[in-house]
Amino acid sequence: MNSLDWAVLIGYFGVMVAIGLWSHKRVDNVSDFFTAGGKMPWWLSGISHHMSGYSAVMFTGYAGIAYQYGVTSFVTWSLPIAIGIGIGAKLFAPRLNRLRSRLHVASPLEYLKNRYNIQTQQALAWSGLLLKIVDVGAKWAAIATLLSVFTGITLTQGIFITGAITAVYCTVGGLWADALTELGQFIIQLFAGVAMLVIAMSKLGGFSSLWTVWDKLPEGHTDPTAGPYTVTFLLAYLFIKTFEYNGGMWNQAQRYMATDSARSATRSARLSAVLWLVWPTVLFFPMWVAPLLVEAKKPDASDSYALMTEQLLPHGLLGLVVVGFFSHTMAMCSSDANAISAVFTRDIAPVFSRAARTWSNRSGLLAARLSTLAFLALSMALATQINSPAFKDIISVVIKWVAGLMGPIAIPFMLGLLRRFRRSGPTAALTSWAAGLLAFYFTNYNFDGSVKTDVALQYQVALPLAISLVLYVVIGFIKPEDTPERDALIEMINTDDGGPAGTAATAGVPTQKTGPEGTGVPEEVRD
């Protein structure tokens, strides 16, 4: 990188900070900070939902998969996400929006204390928080790895720079800042991705390379599934991502909650699904043909895309592509930080602190911003250890840890929204959660903590979710725990009208406000 590239990069950081400061004017309370006050346009929510699912892992870990195995990187990653979000557009998106519009919550998990009980809410909140520290730590490490290729700075320095910039705009402007920066990041990535596509095609014979280059690539490069990414893995990944990208990742749930209505949330999800189906193919083509353009130095080829951009792009445009790397990671990390802050301040803190149950708007906002900073700091500290034996490498953390552990946390949260699972109560939720976590451990590790090497990847990520799902459903039939209050809550989430269902719900469920008393903590816990 030369001075022109640095100017582009520094200018980008400046714009992100400016957006955060502008968004600060739109944040008056915790509802604004966590759900944009329900005023976010559906198209902005959809773009934000799409962008907050990316990170620099796309340009490191998945670039390595594309380099080694070809089109399976698309078939077993973004295609299942697009299908899963499309399924959730009607199934989950409108119901998540009603959490805010009808129950008046600011955190996705606030409804769980009434849907199940406080113990279930706390189990999901704490386990999800710890998982997200690991997940975001992997993403900081990914972007720092790319930055080190271009600038030569150390991993720790790269983590600190990106984390500090992200901390400024997302703690000042909340979800509004996240969404607006993600819009800007989408535009930047649009130009950078198309530029990289055009230059890669020009090096391989022009536009015709889109259909003439395939027989020049390594054997099996066009196979839809390859290596450890088998058909079984694809089906398991589709199942996992349907839960994860429809709200199992709490930051994605916030995008649906931020729109003004259930219908807008559905439109938001459909836009995100279309973007996941189309846009990754533009980004992946240069990665698929990378074996013809560069020779990767790392065994997992995670440096292939960075090497390609460094060798092929002129200065200035190189800086724009580097900005694209940053944009994806900062989008995901900032949105995760906002979601974790919501869960901590709205779900965890009120249970342990009497003061948290009566926070004023000002105190609540301060707590939200401080908890956001704390989460970012912890994830950045962990990022410096991401390549240790405990975590192995970036892509294994993202695929194995997140995909394997997300299911047991998401099952009670997501299925608890649906009428069909109203019989499943606290026993089903806690048992399925605990069994899923244990299943993840014993499919990945031995009793002494050493890593298992004889279990296929698809089973490592799919078994925990499958076990959680089966137990959640079966226990609901064996030991039904539906009550009039829980049924009324579910009806509120599943209906928009004010008819009989709405009347019953209003009578049976306590209102969960966002003001000083808006913790939603039951009286027995407060006292």
Protein backbone atom coordinates (compact mmCIF):
# COMPACT_ATOMS: atom_id res chain seq x y z
CA MET A 1 0.00 0.00 0.00
CA ASN A 2 1.21 3.52 -0.79
CA SER A 3 0.06 6.94 0.37
CA LEU A 4 -2.99 6.90 -1.95
CA ASP A 5 -4.20 3.60 -0.50
CA TRP A 6 -3.66 4.88 3.03
CA ALA A 7 -5.63 8.02 2.20
CA VAL A 8 -8.59 5.91 1.05
CA LEU A 9 -8.41 3.77 4.19
CA ILE A 10 -8.10 6.69 6.61
CA GLY A 11 -10.89 8.55 4.78
CA TYR A 12 -13.14 5.53 5.23
CA PHE A 13 -12.44 5.40 8.96
CA GLY A 14 -13.25 9.10 9.20
CA VAL A 15 -16.61 8.64 7.46
CA MET A 16 -17.51 5.80 9.86
CA VAL A 17 -16.82 7.99 12.88
CA ALA A 18 -18.81 10.86 11.34
CA ILE A 19 -21.82 8.57 10.79
CA GLY A 20 -21.63 7.48 14.40
CA LEU A 21 -21.61 11.07 15.61
CA TRP A 22 -24.55 11.98 13.34
CA SER A 23 -26.51 8.94 14.54
CA HIS A 24 -25.98 10.05 18.12
CA LYS A 25 -28.66 12.70 17.60
CA ARG A 26 -31.25 9.99 16.88
CA VAL A 27 -30.62 8.04 20.09
CA ASP A 28 -32.64 9.24 23.09
CA ASN A 29 -33.28 5.95 24.93
CA VAL A 30 -32.42 2.25 24.96
CA SER A 31 -35.13 1.47 22.42
CA ASP A 32 -33.44 3.84 19.94
CA PHE A 33 -30.02 2.40 20.77
CA PHE A 34 -31.00 -1.26 20.35
CA THR A 35 -33.93 -1.29 17.88
CA ALA A 36 -33.81 2.15 16.18
CA GLY A 37 -37.14 2.93 17.85
CA GLY A 38 -38.90 0.75 15.24
CA LYS A 39 -38.36 3.46 12.61
CA MET A 40 -35.87 1.81 10.25
CA PRO A 41 -37.00 1.55 6.59
CA TRP A 42 -37.39 -2.04 5.39
CA TRP A 43 -34.79 -1.64 2.61
CA LEU A 44 -32.17 -0.29 5.03
CA SER A 45 -32.98 -3.11 7.43
CA GLY A 46 -32.57 -5.65 4.61
CA ILE A 47 -29.20 -4.31 3.49
CA SER A 48 -28.07 -4.09 7.12
CA HIS A 49 -29.25 -7.67 7.74
CA HIS A 50 -27.26 -8.83 4.72
CA MET A 51 -24.09 -6.91 5.53
CA SER A 52 -24.05 -7.87 9.21
CA GLY A 53 -23.72 -11.51 8.14
CA TYR A 54 -20.35 -10.94 6.45
CA SER A 55 -16.87 -10.50 7.84
CA ALA A 56 -13.28 -10.67 6.65
CA VAL A 57 -13.55 -14.44 7.09
CA MET A 58 -15.17 -14.29 3.64
CA PHE A 59 -11.82 -13.06 2.25
CA THR A 60 -9.61 -15.36 4.35
CA GLY A 61 -11.22 -18.63 5.44
CA TYR A 62 -13.78 -18.92 2.64
CA ALA A 63 -11.28 -17.60 0.10
CA GLY A 64 -9.11 -20.54 1.15
CA ILE A 65 -12.00 -22.97 0.60
CA ALA A 66 -12.69 -21.40 -2.82
CA TYR A 67 -9.00 -21.69 -3.74
CA GLN A 68 -8.81 -25.35 -2.74
CA TYR A 69 -12.27 -26.69 -3.62
CA GLY A 70 -13.88 -24.20 -6.00
CA VAL A 71 -17.61 -23.54 -6.27
CA THR A 72 -18.43 -25.59 -3.18
CA SER A 73 -17.58 -22.42 -1.25
CA PHE A 74 -20.80 -20.87 -2.62
CA VAL A 75 -22.97 -23.99 -2.62
CA THR A 76 -22.24 -24.91 0.98
CA TRP A 77 -22.11 -21.37 2.42
CA SER A 78 -24.07 -18.48 0.91
CA LEU A 79 -26.65 -20.59 -0.95
CA PRO A 80 -27.92 -22.27 2.26
CA ILE A 81 -28.02 -18.86 3.95
CA ALA A 82 -30.12 -17.40 1.11
CA ILE A 83 -32.55 -20.34 1.27
CA GLY A 84 -32.72 -20.21 5.06
CA ILE A 85 -33.49 -16.48 5.15
CA GLY A 86 -36.11 -16.99 2.44
CA ILE A 87 -37.80 -19.61 4.62
CA GLY A 88 -37.65 -17.33 7.64
CA ALA A 89 -39.11 -14.32 5.81
CA LYS A 90 -42.62 -15.48 6.69
CA LEU A 91 -41.84 -17.88 9.53
CA PHE A 92 -39.65 -15.79 11.84
CA ALA A 93 -39.18 -12.20 10.63
CA PRO A 94 -42.71 -10.92 11.38
CA ARG A 95 -42.82 -12.65 14.76
CA LEU A 96 -39.51 -11.12 15.78
CA ASN A 97 -40.83 -7.69 14.81
CA ARG A 98 -43.84 -8.22 17.08
CA LEU A 99 -41.51 -8.73 20.03
CA ARG A 100 -40.86 -5.01 19.84
CA SER A 101 -44.15 -3.70 18.46
CA ARG A 102 -46.47 -5.73 20.71
CA LEU A 103 -44.36 -6.70 23.75
CA HIS A 104 -42.28 -3.48 23.71
CA VAL A 105 -38.96 -5.22 24.38
CA ALA A 106 -35.54 -3.88 23.41
CA SER A 107 -33.62 -7.19 23.52
CA PRO A 108 -34.48 -10.32 21.52
CA LEU A 109 -34.29 -12.45 24.68
CA GLU A 110 -36.51 -10.31 26.93
CA TYR A 111 -39.62 -12.31 26.03
CA LEU A 112 -38.05 -15.58 27.27
CA LYS A 113 -38.66 -14.86 30.95
CA ASN A 114 -42.41 -14.94 30.28
CA ARG A 115 -42.28 -17.60 27.55
CA TYR A 116 -40.29 -19.94 29.82
CA ASN A 117 -38.76 -18.59 33.02
CA ILE A 118 -35.82 -16.52 34.30
CA GLN A 119 -33.51 -19.56 34.47
CA THR A 120 -34.01 -20.33 30.77
CA GLN A 121 -33.49 -16.72 29.81
CA GLN A 122 -30.24 -16.53 31.78
CA ALA A 123 -28.91 -19.83 30.40
CA LEU A 124 -29.40 -18.73 26.82
CA ALA A 125 -28.14 -15.21 27.50
CA TRP A 126 -24.89 -16.23 29.19
CA SER A 127 -24.02 -19.06 26.78
CA GLY A 128 -24.79 -16.86 23.77
CA LEU A 129 -22.71 -14.02 25.17
CA LEU A 130 -19.67 -16.27 25.68
CA LEU A 131 -20.05 -17.79 22.22
CA LYS A 132 -20.22 -14.35 20.61
CA ILE A 133 -16.98 -13.28 22.31
CA VAL A 134 -15.27 -16.22 20.57
CA ASP A 135 -17.07 -15.60 17.27
CA VAL A 136 -16.22 -11.90 17.09
CA GLY A 137 -12.69 -12.62 18.27
CA ALA A 138 -12.24 -14.83 15.20
CA LYS A 139 -13.44 -12.00 12.98
CA TRP A 140 -11.02 -9.48 14.51
CA ALA A 141 -8.23 -11.99 13.86
CA ALA A 142 -9.37 -12.42 10.24
CA ILE A 143 -9.27 -8.71 9.45
CA ALA A 144 -5.97 -8.29 11.26
CA THR A 145 -4.54 -11.14 9.16
CA LEU A 146 -5.50 -9.29 5.98
CA LEU A 147 -4.18 -6.00 7.29
CA SER A 148 -0.82 -7.60 8.09
CA VAL A 149 -0.52 -8.83 4.48
CA PHE A 150 -1.01 -5.32 3.09
CA THR A 151 0.76 -3.17 5.67
CA GLY A 152 3.12 -5.42 7.59
CA ILE A 153 1.75 -4.39 10.98
CA THR A 154 1.38 -7.06 13.65
CA LEU A 155 -1.77 -9.03 14.40
CA THR A 156 -2.25 -7.24 17.72
CA GLN A 157 -1.86 -3.80 16.15
CA GLY A 158 -4.40 -4.65 13.45
CA ILE A 159 -6.92 -5.88 16.03
CA PHE A 160 -6.52 -2.73 18.09
CA ILE A 161 -6.91 -0.34 15.12
CA THR A 162 -10.07 -1.93 13.73
CA GLY A 163 -11.58 -2.49 17.17
CA ALA A 164 -10.98 1.08 18.29
CA ILE A 165 -12.62 2.59 15.19
CA THR A 166 -15.60 0.25 15.51
CA ALA A 167 -15.97 1.08 19.20
CA VAL A 168 -16.28 4.80 18.48
CA TYR A 169 -19.15 4.73 16.02
CA CYS A 170 -21.18 1.80 17.38
CA THR A 171 -21.13 2.96 21.01
CA VAL A 172 -22.09 6.52 20.10
CA GLY A 173 -24.83 5.87 17.53
CA GLY A 174 -26.23 2.45 18.43
CA LEU A 175 -28.18 0.45 15.86
CA TRP A 176 -28.77 3.53 13.66
CA ALA A 177 -25.00 3.95 13.30
CA ASP A 178 -24.59 0.24 12.57
CA ALA A 179 -27.23 0.25 9.83
CA LEU A 180 -26.05 3.47 8.17
CA THR A 181 -22.40 2.40 8.15
CA GLU A 182 -23.49 -0.96 6.73
CA LEU A 183 -25.27 0.87 3.92
CA GLY A 184 -22.09 2.80 3.18
CA GLN A 185 -20.07 -0.38 3.43
CA PHE A 186 -22.41 -2.11 0.97
CA ILE A 187 -21.85 0.65 -1.57
CA ILE A 188 -18.08 0.50 -1.08
CA GLN A 189 -18.04 -3.27 -1.41
CA LEU A 190 -20.19 -3.02 -4.54
CA PHE A 191 -17.54 -0.93 -6.29
CA ALA A 192 -14.61 -2.92 -4.87
CA GLY A 193 -16.14 -6.32 -5.66
CA VAL A 194 -17.04 -5.40 -9.24
CA ALA A 195 -13.57 -3.90 -9.77
CA MET A 196 -11.92 -7.11 -8.60
CA LEU A 197 -14.21 -9.19 -10.83
CA VAL A 198 -13.46 -7.11 -13.92
CA ILE A 199 -9.68 -7.15 -13.37
CA ALA A 200 -9.65 -10.91 -12.74
CA MET A 201 -11.60 -11.53 -15.95
CA SER A 202 -9.28 -9.24 -17.92
CA LYS A 203 -6.28 -11.28 -16.78
CA LEU A 204 -7.96 -14.48 -17.99
CA GLY A 205 -9.18 -13.37 -21.41
CA GLY A 206 -12.01 -10.96 -20.77
CA PHE A 207 -15.74 -11.45 -20.24
CA SER A 208 -15.67 -14.85 -21.95
CA SER A 209 -13.60 -16.20 -19.04
CA LEU A 210 -16.88 -16.57 -17.14
CA TRP A 211 -17.50 -19.76 -19.15
CA THR A 212 -14.10 -20.64 -20.67
CA VAL A 213 -11.91 -20.74 -17.58
CA TRP A 214 -13.36 -23.80 -15.86
CA ASP A 215 -11.45 -26.50 -17.72
CA LYS A 216 -8.17 -24.76 -16.80
CA LEU A 217 -8.83 -24.99 -13.07
CA PRO A 218 -7.85 -27.94 -10.85
CA GLU A 219 -9.91 -31.09 -11.19
CA GLY A 220 -13.10 -31.02 -9.13
CA HIS A 221 -13.18 -27.22 -8.91
CA THR A 222 -16.72 -27.14 -10.32
CA ASP A 223 -18.10 -29.87 -8.06
CA PRO A 224 -20.89 -28.48 -5.85
CA THR A 225 -19.59 -30.40 -2.85
CA ALA A 226 -15.98 -31.38 -2.22
CA GLY A 227 -13.53 -32.32 0.53
CA PRO A 228 -15.11 -32.16 3.99
CA TYR A 229 -17.98 -30.06 2.58
CA THR A 230 -20.22 -32.97 1.60
CA VAL A 231 -23.94 -33.20 0.79
CA THR A 232 -24.56 -34.13 4.42
CA PHE A 233 -22.65 -31.03 5.50
CA LEU A 234 -24.71 -28.93 3.06
CA LEU A 235 -28.02 -30.17 4.48
CA ALA A 236 -26.79 -29.72 8.04
CA TYR A 237 -25.56 -26.23 7.23
CA LEU A 238 -28.90 -25.28 5.65
CA PHE A 239 -30.67 -26.42 8.80
CA ILE A 240 -28.27 -24.51 11.06
CA LYS A 241 -28.27 -21.31 9.01
CA THR A 242 -32.06 -21.21 8.87
CA PHE A 243 -32.01 -20.73 12.63
CA GLU A 244 -28.82 -18.69 12.82
CA TYR A 245 -29.60 -16.03 10.20
CA ASN A 246 -33.25 -15.67 11.13
CA GLY A 247 -32.54 -14.54 14.68
CA GLY A 248 -30.33 -17.18 16.29
CA MET A 249 -27.64 -14.58 15.75
CA TRP A 250 -29.29 -11.92 17.88
CA ASN A 251 -27.97 -9.05 15.76
CA GLN A 252 -29.99 -10.41 12.82
CA ALA A 253 -33.13 -10.47 14.97
CA GLN A 254 -32.58 -6.81 15.81
CA ARG A 255 -32.84 -5.85 12.12
CA TYR A 256 -36.34 -7.31 11.95
CA MET A 257 -37.30 -5.74 15.28
CA ALA A 258 -36.13 -2.32 14.01
CA THR A 259 -38.68 -2.07 11.17
CA ASP A 260 -42.05 -0.42 11.69
CA SER A 261 -44.23 -3.50 11.11
CA ALA A 262 -44.29 -7.26 10.64
CA ARG A 263 -44.86 -6.76 6.90
CA SER A 264 -41.80 -4.55 6.64
CA ALA A 265 -39.74 -7.19 8.47
CA THR A 266 -40.82 -9.77 5.88
CA ARG A 267 -39.81 -7.47 3.02
CA SER A 268 -36.48 -6.86 4.75
CA ALA A 269 -35.81 -10.60 4.98
CA ARG A 270 -36.67 -11.16 1.32
CA LEU A 271 -34.25 -8.43 0.21
CA SER A 272 -31.49 -9.95 2.33
CA ALA A 273 -32.18 -13.42 0.88
CA VAL A 274 -31.89 -12.10 -2.71
CA LEU A 275 -28.62 -10.34 -1.88
CA TRP A 276 -27.20 -13.53 -0.36
CA LEU A 277 -28.13 -15.43 -3.51
CA VAL A 278 -26.63 -12.97 -6.01
CA TRP A 279 -23.85 -10.86 -4.51
CA PRO A 280 -21.53 -13.63 -3.20
CA THR A 281 -21.14 -15.02 -6.73
CA VAL A 282 -19.53 -11.71 -7.75
CA LEU A 283 -17.13 -11.90 -4.82
CA PHE A 284 -16.39 -15.61 -5.24
CA PHE A 285 -15.46 -15.71 -8.95
CA PRO A 286 -12.00 -14.13 -8.45
CA MET A 287 -11.47 -16.55 -5.55
CA TRP A 288 -12.42 -19.54 -7.69
CA VAL A 289 -9.94 -18.59 -10.43
CA ALA A 290 -7.21 -17.57 -7.96
CA PRO A 291 -5.15 -20.78 -8.59
CA LEU A 292 -4.54 -19.44 -12.12
CA LEU A 293 -3.40 -16.05 -10.86
CA VAL A 294 -1.45 -16.51 -7.61
CA GLU A 295 0.17 -19.21 -5.52
CA ALA A 296 -1.06 -19.27 -1.93
CA LYS A 297 1.64 -19.36 0.73
CA LYS A 298 -0.41 -20.61 3.66
CA PRO A 299 -1.44 -24.30 3.83
CA ASP A 300 -5.13 -23.39 4.07
CA ALA A 301 -4.80 -20.78 1.28
CA SER A 302 -6.41 -18.16 3.52
CA ASP A 303 -3.98 -15.56 2.14
CA SER A 304 -4.87 -16.19 -1.52
CA TYR A 305 -7.34 -13.31 -1.96
CA ALA A 306 -5.08 -10.81 -0.23
CA LEU A 307 -2.14 -11.85 -2.43
CA MET A 308 -4.30 -11.57 -5.53
CA THR A 309 -5.53 -8.07 -4.74
CA GLU A 310 -2.02 -6.93 -3.88
CA GLN A 311 -0.63 -8.20 -7.18
CA LEU A 312 -3.48 -7.27 -9.53
CA LEU A 313 -4.92 -3.98 -8.34
CA PRO A 314 -3.46 -0.50 -8.90
CA HIS A 315 -2.92 1.80 -5.93
CA GLY A 316 -6.03 3.64 -4.86
CA LEU A 317 -8.20 0.76 -6.05
CA LEU A 318 -6.18 -1.51 -3.76
CA GLY A 319 -7.07 0.80 -0.89
CA LEU A 320 -10.75 0.59 -1.83
CA VAL A 321 -10.68 -3.23 -1.75
CA VAL A 322 -8.93 -3.16 1.63
CA VAL A 323 -11.70 -0.85 2.81
CA GLY A 324 -14.14 -3.51 1.58
CA PHE A 325 -12.41 -6.07 3.80
CA PHE A 326 -12.76 -3.77 6.77
CA SER A 327 -16.35 -2.90 5.98
CA HIS A 328 -17.61 -6.46 6.23
CA THR A 329 -15.86 -7.24 9.49
CA MET A 330 -16.68 -3.94 11.16
CA ALA A 331 -20.32 -4.34 10.11
CA MET A 332 -20.66 -7.75 11.71
CA CYS A 333 -18.63 -6.98 14.82
CA SER A 334 -20.44 -3.72 15.56
CA SER A 335 -23.87 -5.32 15.12
CA ASP A 336 -22.87 -8.22 17.36
CA ALA A 337 -21.62 -5.78 19.98
CA ASN A 338 -24.95 -3.94 19.93
CA ALA A 339 -26.92 -7.19 20.29
CA ILE A 340 -24.76 -8.44 23.15
CA SER A 341 -25.09 -5.08 24.91
CA ALA A 342 -28.88 -5.37 24.58
CA VAL A 343 -28.89 -8.84 26.11
CA PHE A 344 -26.56 -7.83 28.94
CA THR A 345 -28.31 -4.62 29.95
CA ARG A 346 -31.89 -5.85 29.40
CA ASP A 347 -31.68 -9.53 30.36
CA ILE A 348 -28.65 -10.20 32.55
CA ALA A 349 -28.01 -7.02 34.58
CA PRO A 350 -31.58 -6.60 35.96
CA VAL A 351 -31.46 -10.10 37.46
CA PHE A 352 -28.29 -9.40 39.43
CA SER A 353 -28.59 -5.69 40.19
CA ARG A 354 -31.44 -3.83 41.88
CA ALA A 355 -30.10 -0.57 40.43
CA ALA A 356 -30.36 -1.97 36.88
CA ARG A 357 -34.07 -2.57 37.38
CA THR A 358 -34.75 1.16 37.82
CA TRP A 359 -32.28 2.73 35.41
CA SER A 360 -33.38 6.04 33.94
CA ASN A 361 -33.08 6.60 30.20
CA ARG A 362 -29.74 8.29 30.74
CA SER A 363 -28.40 5.55 33.00
CA GLY A 364 -29.66 2.85 30.66
CA LEU A 365 -27.91 4.42 27.68
CA LEU A 366 -24.67 4.77 29.64
CA ALA A 367 -24.85 1.12 30.67
CA ALA A 368 -25.54 0.11 27.07
CA ARG A 369 -22.51 1.98 25.79
CA LEU A 370 -20.20 0.73 28.54
CA SER A 371 -21.27 -2.88 28.03
CA THR A 372 -20.68 -2.48 24.27
CA LEU A 373 -17.14 -1.31 24.95
CA ALA A 374 -16.55 -4.17 27.40
CA PHE A 375 -17.70 -6.76 24.86
CA LEU A 376 -15.47 -5.31 22.15
CA ALA A 377 -12.49 -5.28 24.51
CA LEU A 378 -12.99 -8.92 25.53
CA SER A 379 -13.39 -10.11 21.95
CA MET A 380 -10.29 -8.17 20.88
CA ALA A 381 -8.26 -9.70 23.70
CA LEU A 382 -9.40 -13.18 22.67
CA ALA A 383 -8.58 -12.43 19.03
CA THR A 384 -4.89 -12.30 19.88
CA GLN A 385 -5.15 -15.98 20.92
CA ILE A 386 -7.31 -17.20 18.05
CA ASN A 387 -4.55 -19.31 16.48
CA SER A 388 -3.68 -21.05 19.74
CA PRO A 389 -4.13 -24.86 19.98
CA ALA A 390 -7.43 -24.34 21.82
CA PHE A 391 -9.02 -22.65 18.81
CA LYS A 392 -6.79 -24.06 16.05
CA ASP A 393 -7.49 -21.48 13.30
CA ILE A 394 -9.93 -18.84 12.11
CA ILE A 395 -12.15 -20.93 9.87
CA SER A 396 -12.58 -23.77 12.39
CA VAL A 397 -13.82 -21.28 14.98
CA VAL A 398 -16.34 -19.76 12.61
CA ILE A 399 -17.62 -23.01 11.09
CA LYS A 400 -17.27 -25.48 13.94
CA TRP A 401 -17.74 -23.44 17.10
CA VAL A 402 -20.40 -21.04 15.89
CA ALA A 403 -22.37 -23.49 13.74
CA GLY A 404 -22.11 -26.23 16.36
CA LEU A 405 -23.06 -24.14 19.39
CA MET A 406 -25.56 -21.76 17.81
CA GLY A 407 -28.22 -24.47 17.44
CA PRO A 408 -28.73 -25.38 21.11
CA ILE A 409 -28.97 -21.67 21.98
CA ALA A 410 -31.27 -20.80 19.07
CA ILE A 411 -33.75 -23.70 19.30
CA PRO A 412 -35.65 -22.57 22.44
CA PHE A 413 -35.46 -18.91 21.38
CA MET A 414 -36.70 -19.39 17.81
CA LEU A 415 -39.18 -22.24 18.20
CA GLY A 416 -40.62 -20.58 21.27
CA LEU A 417 -42.09 -17.98 18.89
CA LEU A 418 -44.27 -20.53 17.07
CA ARG A 419 -47.74 -21.78 18.08
CA ARG A 420 -46.88 -25.34 17.08
CA PHE A 421 -44.36 -25.60 19.92
CA ARG A 422 -46.47 -23.98 22.65
CA ARG A 423 -46.40 -27.21 24.72
CA SER A 424 -42.62 -26.98 25.09
CA GLY A 425 -41.86 -25.10 28.29
CA PRO A 426 -38.91 -24.48 30.62
CA THR A 427 -38.05 -28.18 31.04
CA ALA A 428 -37.89 -28.75 27.29
CA ALA A 429 -35.93 -25.52 26.73
CA LEU A 430 -33.28 -26.09 29.41
CA THR A 431 -32.86 -29.80 28.70
CA SER A 432 -32.47 -29.29 24.96
CA TRP A 433 -30.00 -26.45 25.56
CA ALA A 434 -27.83 -28.41 28.00
CA ALA A 435 -27.89 -31.63 25.95
CA GLY A 436 -26.91 -29.73 22.81
CA LEU A 437 -23.90 -28.13 24.48
CA LEU A 438 -22.79 -31.51 25.85
CA ALA A 439 -23.24 -33.06 22.41
CA PHE A 440 -21.00 -30.40 20.91
CA TYR A 441 -18.29 -31.06 23.45
CA PHE A 442 -18.29 -34.84 23.10
CA THR A 443 -18.38 -34.80 19.29
CA ASN A 444 -15.39 -32.47 19.21
CA TYR A 445 -13.33 -33.34 22.29
CA ASN A 446 -12.30 -36.32 24.39
CA PHE A 447 -12.79 -36.55 28.14
CA ASP A 448 -9.28 -35.18 28.72
CA GLY A 449 -9.97 -32.12 26.54
CA SER A 450 -7.95 -33.26 23.54
CA VAL A 451 -9.46 -32.69 20.10
CA LYS A 452 -11.14 -35.60 18.33
CA THR A 453 -9.92 -36.24 14.80
CA ASP A 454 -12.17 -39.15 13.79
CA VAL A 455 -15.53 -37.31 13.62
CA ALA A 456 -16.64 -35.83 10.28
CA LEU A 457 -17.20 -32.06 10.18
CA GLN A 458 -20.88 -32.37 9.28
CA TYR A 459 -21.56 -34.39 12.43
CA GLN A 460 -19.57 -32.01 14.59
CA VAL A 461 -21.78 -29.09 13.59
CA ALA A 462 -25.12 -30.88 13.04
CA LEU A 463 -25.47 -33.29 15.96
CA PRO A 464 -25.79 -30.63 18.70
CA LEU A 465 -28.64 -28.89 16.88
CA ALA A 466 -30.37 -32.17 15.96
CA ILE A 467 -30.24 -33.42 19.56
CA SER A 468 -31.54 -30.08 20.87
CA LEU A 469 -34.39 -30.06 18.36
CA VAL A 470 -35.50 -33.62 19.09
CA LEU A 471 -35.42 -33.12 22.85
CA TYR A 472 -37.24 -29.78 22.66
CA VAL A 473 -40.11 -31.33 20.68
CA VAL A 474 -40.30 -34.71 22.46
CA ILE A 475 -40.19 -33.26 26.00
CA GLY A 476 -42.94 -30.84 24.99
CA PHE A 477 -45.19 -33.82 24.23
CA ILE A 478 -44.14 -35.88 27.23
CA LYS A 479 -44.27 -33.02 29.71
CA PRO A 480 -46.42 -30.21 28.29
CA GLU A 481 -46.00 -26.93 30.16
CA ASP A 482 -48.32 -24.63 28.25
CA THR A 483 -50.29 -22.25 30.45
CA PRO A 484 -52.91 -19.59 29.64
CA GLU A 485 -50.27 -16.89 30.19
CA ARG A 486 -47.76 -18.54 27.85
CA ASP A 487 -50.44 -19.21 25.24
CA ALA A 488 -51.49 -15.56 25.43
CA LEU A 489 -47.88 -14.44 24.91
CA ILE A 490 -47.52 -16.69 21.86
CA GLU A 491 -50.76 -15.28 20.41
CA MET A 492 -49.40 -11.75 20.74
CA ILE A 493 -46.33 -12.74 18.77
CA ASN A 494 -48.34 -14.52 16.09
CA THR A 495 -51.10 -11.95 15.41
CA ASP A 496 -51.25 -8.33 14.33
CA ASP A 497 -54.98 -7.75 14.81
CA GLY A 498 -56.70 -6.65 17.98
CA GLY A 499 -59.33 -9.40 17.86
CA PRO A 500 -60.01 -12.13 20.41
CA ALA A 501 -56.45 -13.42 20.39
CA GLY A 502 -55.10 -9.95 20.93
CA THR A 503 -57.58 -9.31 23.73
CA ALA A 504 -56.65 -12.51 25.52
CA ALA A 505 -52.99 -11.78 25.11
CA THR A 506 -53.32 -8.29 26.46
CA ALA A 507 -55.12 -9.64 29.50
CA GLY A 508 -52.70 -12.47 30.16
CA VAL A 509 -49.24 -11.01 29.55
CA PRO A 510 -47.60 -8.17 31.47
CA THR A 511 -46.48 -5.22 29.35
CA GLN A 512 -42.71 -4.95 29.01
CA LYS A 513 -41.84 -1.28 28.77
CA THR A 514 -38.60 0.41 27.84
CA GLY A 515 -38.71 3.19 30.43
CA PRO A 516 -37.13 3.30 33.90
CA GLU A 517 -39.14 0.24 34.98
CA GLY A 518 -38.80 -1.39 31.59
CA THR A 519 -36.63 -4.31 32.59
CA GLY A 520 -39.53 -6.71 32.36
CA VAL A 521 -38.25 -8.55 35.43
CA PRO A 522 -41.06 -10.25 37.37
CA GLU A 523 -41.90 -8.92 40.81
CA GLU A 524 -40.64 -12.03 42.58
CA VAL A 525 -37.17 -11.45 41.11
CA ARG A 526 -37.20 -7.70 41.82
CA ASP A 527 -37.98 -8.29 45.49
